[in-house]
Amino acid sequence: MMDEIRLELFIFDTELGDDRLDQLTRTLMRDLCDLGAESVEKTPGREIPKGAKGLESILVGGLTLSVLPEFMPKLVEFLQVWVQRPNTRTVKIKTKNGIEVEFTPQKRMTTDEIAEFVKKLDAPQILRP
C-alpha cells in the first residue's frame, strides 16, 4: 500500500464572519470525509499562511488531511467545483515539503496539470529506499 500524503488546506473568504467560516470549514471537513479522504481534522488557530494574498480582513479556515495518492485527482476536481459557490472563496493546499496549489473561481486546472501535481506529490514516496 502507498503512503498517505498529508496536506494542509486553507480556506479564504472575503465575505464571511468567524461563525460562518467555522461552519463552512466543518461542512468541508464532512464533505472531504464523505469523498474518501483517509482523515480530516480542523487546524487550530487562524494564522494566515505565508505568501497568502490578502488583507487582515480575510478570514482563514484550516484543515489537515491525509489522503492516498490515488485520491488526489478526485480532491482537485472537488475543490475546483467547491470554490465556485460562491465565487468569493479561495482554497490553498500546502504539503510539508513545500508544494502548494491554489484553487480560485477564476482558474481551473487542466487534466494534465492535475496529473503533474499528483506526480509531484507522490515523488517523495517513490524515491524512498
C-alpha atoms as a PDB file:
ATOM      1  CA  MET A   1       0.000   0.000   0.000  1.00  0.00           C
ATOM      2  CA  MET A   2       1.259   3.500  -0.827  1.00  0.00           C
ATOM      3  CA  ASP A   3       1.920   6.010   1.905  1.00  0.00           C
ATOM      4  CA  GLU A   4      -0.628   8.679   2.704  1.00  0.00           C
ATOM      5  CA  ILE A   5       0.018  12.255   1.661  1.00  0.00           C
ATOM      6  CA  ARG A   6      -0.500  14.801   4.436  1.00  0.00           C
ATOM      7  CA  LEU A   7      -1.905  18.154   3.308  1.00  0.00           C
ATOM      8  CA  GLU A   8      -2.804  21.444   4.922  1.00  0.00           C
ATOM      9  CA  LEU A   9      -5.827  23.095   3.399  1.00  0.00           C
ATOM     10  CA  PHE A  10      -6.624  26.774   3.978  1.00  0.00           C
ATOM     11  CA  ILE A  11      -9.967  28.386   3.132  1.00  0.00           C
ATOM     12  CA  PHE A  12     -10.075  32.116   2.424  1.00  0.00           C
ATOM     13  CA  ASP A  13     -13.301  34.034   2.006  1.00  0.00           C
ATOM     14  CA  THR A  14     -13.608  37.794   1.750  1.00  0.00           C
ATOM     15  CA  GLU A  15     -17.262  37.924   2.789  1.00  0.00           C
ATOM     16  CA  LEU A  16     -17.667  35.617   5.788  1.00  0.00           C
ATOM     17  CA  GLY A  17     -17.597  36.264   9.514  1.00  0.00           C
ATOM     18  CA  ASP A  18     -15.974  33.931  12.056  1.00  0.00           C
ATOM     19  CA  ASP A  19     -19.069  31.828  12.775  1.00  0.00           C
ATOM     20  CA  ARG A  20     -19.982  31.312   9.127  1.00  0.00           C
ATOM     21  CA  LEU A  21     -16.371  30.462   8.210  1.00  0.00           C
ATOM     22  CA  ASP A  22     -16.226  27.932  11.038  1.00  0.00           C
ATOM     23  CA  GLN A  23     -19.475  26.365   9.798  1.00  0.00           C
ATOM     24  CA  LEU A  24     -18.142  26.314   6.219  1.00  0.00           C
ATOM     25  CA  THR A  25     -14.886  24.678   7.376  1.00  0.00           C
ATOM     26  CA  ARG A  26     -16.808  21.977   9.260  1.00  0.00           C
ATOM     27  CA  THR A  27     -19.024  21.321   6.235  1.00  0.00           C
ATOM     28  CA  LEU A  28     -15.964  20.983   4.000  1.00  0.00           C
ATOM     29  CA  MET A  29     -14.435  18.622   6.557  1.00  0.00           C
ATOM     30  CA  ARG A  30     -17.516  16.392   6.383  1.00  0.00           C
ATOM     31  CA  ASP A  31     -17.598  16.578   2.561  1.00  0.00           C
ATOM     32  CA  LEU A  32     -13.942  15.507   2.311  1.00  0.00           C
ATOM     33  CA  CYS A  33     -14.563  12.537   4.611  1.00  0.00           C
ATOM     34  CA  ASP A  34     -17.584  11.541   2.514  1.00  0.00           C
ATOM     35  CA  LEU A  35     -15.485  11.899  -0.639  1.00  0.00           C
ATOM     36  CA  GLY A  36     -12.930   9.396   0.680  1.00  0.00           C
ATOM     37  CA  ALA A  37     -10.128  11.241   2.488  1.00  0.00           C
ATOM     38  CA  GLU A  38      -8.337   8.964   4.955  1.00  0.00           C
ATOM     39  CA  SER A  39      -8.582  11.533   7.763  1.00  0.00           C
ATOM     40  CA  VAL A  40      -9.584  15.195   8.078  1.00  0.00           C
ATOM     41  CA  GLU A  41      -9.000  17.400  11.138  1.00  0.00           C
ATOM     42  CA  LYS A  42      -9.710  21.031  11.840  1.00  0.00           C
ATOM     43  CA  THR A  43      -6.495  23.025  12.198  1.00  0.00           C
ATOM     44  CA  PRO A  44      -6.323  25.107  15.376  1.00  0.00           C
ATOM     45  CA  GLY A  45      -5.670  28.821  15.107  1.00  0.00           C
ATOM     46  CA  ARG A  46      -6.359  31.347  12.389  1.00  0.00           C
ATOM     47  CA  GLU A  47      -2.884  32.038  11.108  1.00  0.00           C
ATOM     48  CA  ILE A  48      -2.784  33.306   7.536  1.00  0.00           C
ATOM     49  CA  PRO A  49      -0.233  31.205   5.631  1.00  0.00           C
ATOM     50  CA  LYS A  50       2.965  32.878   4.487  1.00  0.00           C
ATOM     51  CA  GLY A  51       2.569  34.253   0.993  1.00  0.00           C
ATOM     52  CA  ALA A  52      -1.221  34.370   1.132  1.00  0.00           C
ATOM     53  CA  LYS A  53      -2.672  37.123  -0.977  1.00  0.00           C
ATOM     54  CA  GLY A  54      -4.830  39.120   1.304  1.00  0.00           C
ATOM     55  CA  LEU A  55      -5.507  41.672   3.924  1.00  0.00           C
ATOM     56  CA  GLU A  56      -6.168  41.286   7.614  1.00  0.00           C
ATOM     57  CA  SER A  57      -9.884  41.378   6.793  1.00  0.00           C
ATOM     58  CA  ILE A  58      -9.760  37.996   5.047  1.00  0.00           C
ATOM     59  CA  LEU A  59     -10.582  35.192   7.450  1.00  0.00           C
ATOM     60  CA  VAL A  60      -8.946  31.796   7.190  1.00  0.00           C
ATOM     61  CA  GLY A  61     -10.314  28.360   7.989  1.00  0.00           C
ATOM     62  CA  GLY A  62      -7.903  25.447   8.072  1.00  0.00           C
ATOM     63  CA  LEU A  63      -7.921  21.668   7.791  1.00  0.00           C
ATOM     64  CA  THR A  64      -5.254  18.998   7.859  1.00  0.00           C
ATOM     65  CA  LEU A  65      -5.974  15.918   5.823  1.00  0.00           C
ATOM     66  CA  SER A  66      -4.346  12.634   4.946  1.00  0.00           C
ATOM     67  CA  VAL A  67      -5.100  11.109   1.572  1.00  0.00           C
ATOM     68  CA  LEU A  68      -3.841   8.291  -0.587  1.00  0.00           C
ATOM     69  CA  PRO A  69      -2.147   9.417  -3.832  1.00  0.00           C
ATOM     70  CA  GLU A  70      -4.940   7.954  -5.966  1.00  0.00           C
ATOM     71  CA  PHE A  71      -7.436  10.232  -4.135  1.00  0.00           C
ATOM     72  CA  MET A  72      -5.711  13.442  -5.289  1.00  0.00           C
ATOM     73  CA  PRO A  73      -7.397  13.831  -8.724  1.00  0.00           C
ATOM     74  CA  LYS A  74     -10.816  13.451  -7.061  1.00  0.00           C
ATOM     75  CA  LEU A  75      -9.826  16.029  -4.406  1.00  0.00           C
ATOM     76  CA  VAL A  76      -8.657  18.542  -7.028  1.00  0.00           C
ATOM     77  CA  GLU A  77     -11.844  18.155  -9.076  1.00  0.00           C
ATOM     78  CA  PHE A  78     -13.981  18.564  -5.942  1.00  0.00           C
ATOM     79  CA  LEU A  79     -12.149  21.719  -4.785  1.00  0.00           C
ATOM     80  CA  GLN A  80     -12.363  23.306  -8.235  1.00  0.00           C
ATOM     81  CA  VAL A  81     -16.158  22.991  -8.106  1.00  0.00           C
ATOM     82  CA  TRP A  82     -16.359  23.882  -4.405  1.00  0.00           C
ATOM     83  CA  VAL A  83     -14.653  27.300  -4.759  1.00  0.00           C
ATOM     84  CA  GLN A  84     -17.218  28.296  -7.397  1.00  0.00           C
ATOM     85  CA  ARG A  85     -20.073  28.602  -4.907  1.00  0.00           C
ATOM     86  CA  PRO A  86     -19.998  31.466  -4.087  1.00  0.00           C
ATOM     87  CA  ASN A  87     -17.098  32.837  -6.061  1.00  0.00           C
ATOM     88  CA  THR A  88     -15.563  34.697  -3.112  1.00  0.00           C
ATOM     89  CA  ARG A  89     -13.689  31.586  -1.948  1.00  0.00           C
ATOM     90  CA  THR A  90     -10.090  30.582  -2.422  1.00  0.00           C
ATOM     91  CA  VAL A  91      -8.578  27.319  -1.187  1.00  0.00           C
ATOM     92  CA  LYS A  92      -4.850  26.733  -0.861  1.00  0.00           C
ATOM     93  CA  ILE A  93      -3.261  23.325  -0.339  1.00  0.00           C
ATOM     94  CA  LYS A  94       0.251  23.027   1.102  1.00  0.00           C
ATOM     95  CA  THR A  95       2.393  19.959   1.764  1.00  0.00           C
ATOM     96  CA  LYS A  96       5.100  19.626   4.389  1.00  0.00           C
ATOM     97  CA  ASN A  97       7.735  19.582   1.633  1.00  0.00           C
ATOM     98  CA  GLY A  98       6.592  22.953   0.269  1.00  0.00           C
ATOM     99  CA  ILE A  99       4.402  22.013  -2.695  1.00  0.00           C
ATOM    100  CA  GLU A 100       1.465  24.428  -2.979  1.00  0.00           C
ATOM    101  CA  VAL A 101      -1.531  24.840  -5.232  1.00  0.00           C
ATOM    102  CA  GLU A 102      -4.300  27.428  -5.044  1.00  0.00           C
ATOM    103  CA  PHE A 103      -7.881  26.984  -6.228  1.00  0.00           C
ATOM    104  CA  THR A 104      -9.836  30.086  -7.218  1.00  0.00           C
ATOM    105  CA  PRO A 105     -13.105  30.587  -9.102  1.00  0.00           C
ATOM    106  CA  GLN A 106     -11.149  32.249 -11.928  1.00  0.00           C
ATOM    107  CA  LYS A 107      -8.755  29.384 -12.767  1.00  0.00           C
ATOM    108  CA  ARG A 108      -9.312  25.666 -13.290  1.00  0.00           C
ATOM    109  CA  MET A 109      -6.530  23.109 -13.503  1.00  0.00           C
ATOM    110  CA  THR A 110      -6.445  21.038 -16.671  1.00  0.00           C
ATOM    111  CA  THR A 111      -6.303  17.250 -16.533  1.00  0.00           C
ATOM    112  CA  ASP A 112      -2.579  17.440 -17.381  1.00  0.00           C
ATOM    113  CA  GLU A 113      -1.939  19.976 -14.589  1.00  0.00           C
ATOM    114  CA  ILE A 114      -3.768  17.732 -12.112  1.00  0.00           C
ATOM    115  CA  ALA A 115      -1.684  14.733 -13.217  1.00  0.00           C
ATOM    116  CA  GLU A 116       1.547  16.746 -12.860  1.00  0.00           C
ATOM    117  CA  PHE A 117       0.514  17.961  -9.386  1.00  0.00           C
ATOM    118  CA  VAL A 118      -0.275  14.413  -8.240  1.00  0.00           C
ATOM    119  CA  LYS A 119       3.038  13.191  -9.684  1.00  0.00           C
ATOM    120  CA  LYS A 120       4.910  15.873  -7.680  1.00  0.00           C
ATOM    121  CA  LEU A 121       3.094  14.876  -4.501  1.00  0.00           C
ATOM    122  CA  ASP A 122       3.825  11.197  -4.939  1.00  0.00           C
ATOM    123  CA  ALA A 123       7.509  11.617  -5.913  1.00  0.00           C
ATOM    124  CA  PRO A 124       8.893  11.535  -2.325  1.00  0.00           C
ATOM    125  CA  GLN A 125       7.168   8.191  -1.734  1.00  0.00           C
ATOM    126  CA  ILE A 126       8.605   6.716  -4.948  1.00  0.00           C
ATOM    127  CA  LEU A 127      12.142   7.842  -4.103  1.00  0.00           C
ATOM    128  CA  ARG A 128      12.240   6.127  -0.728  1.00  0.00           C
ATOM    129  CA  PRO A 129      14.779   3.281  -0.418  1.00  0.00           C
END
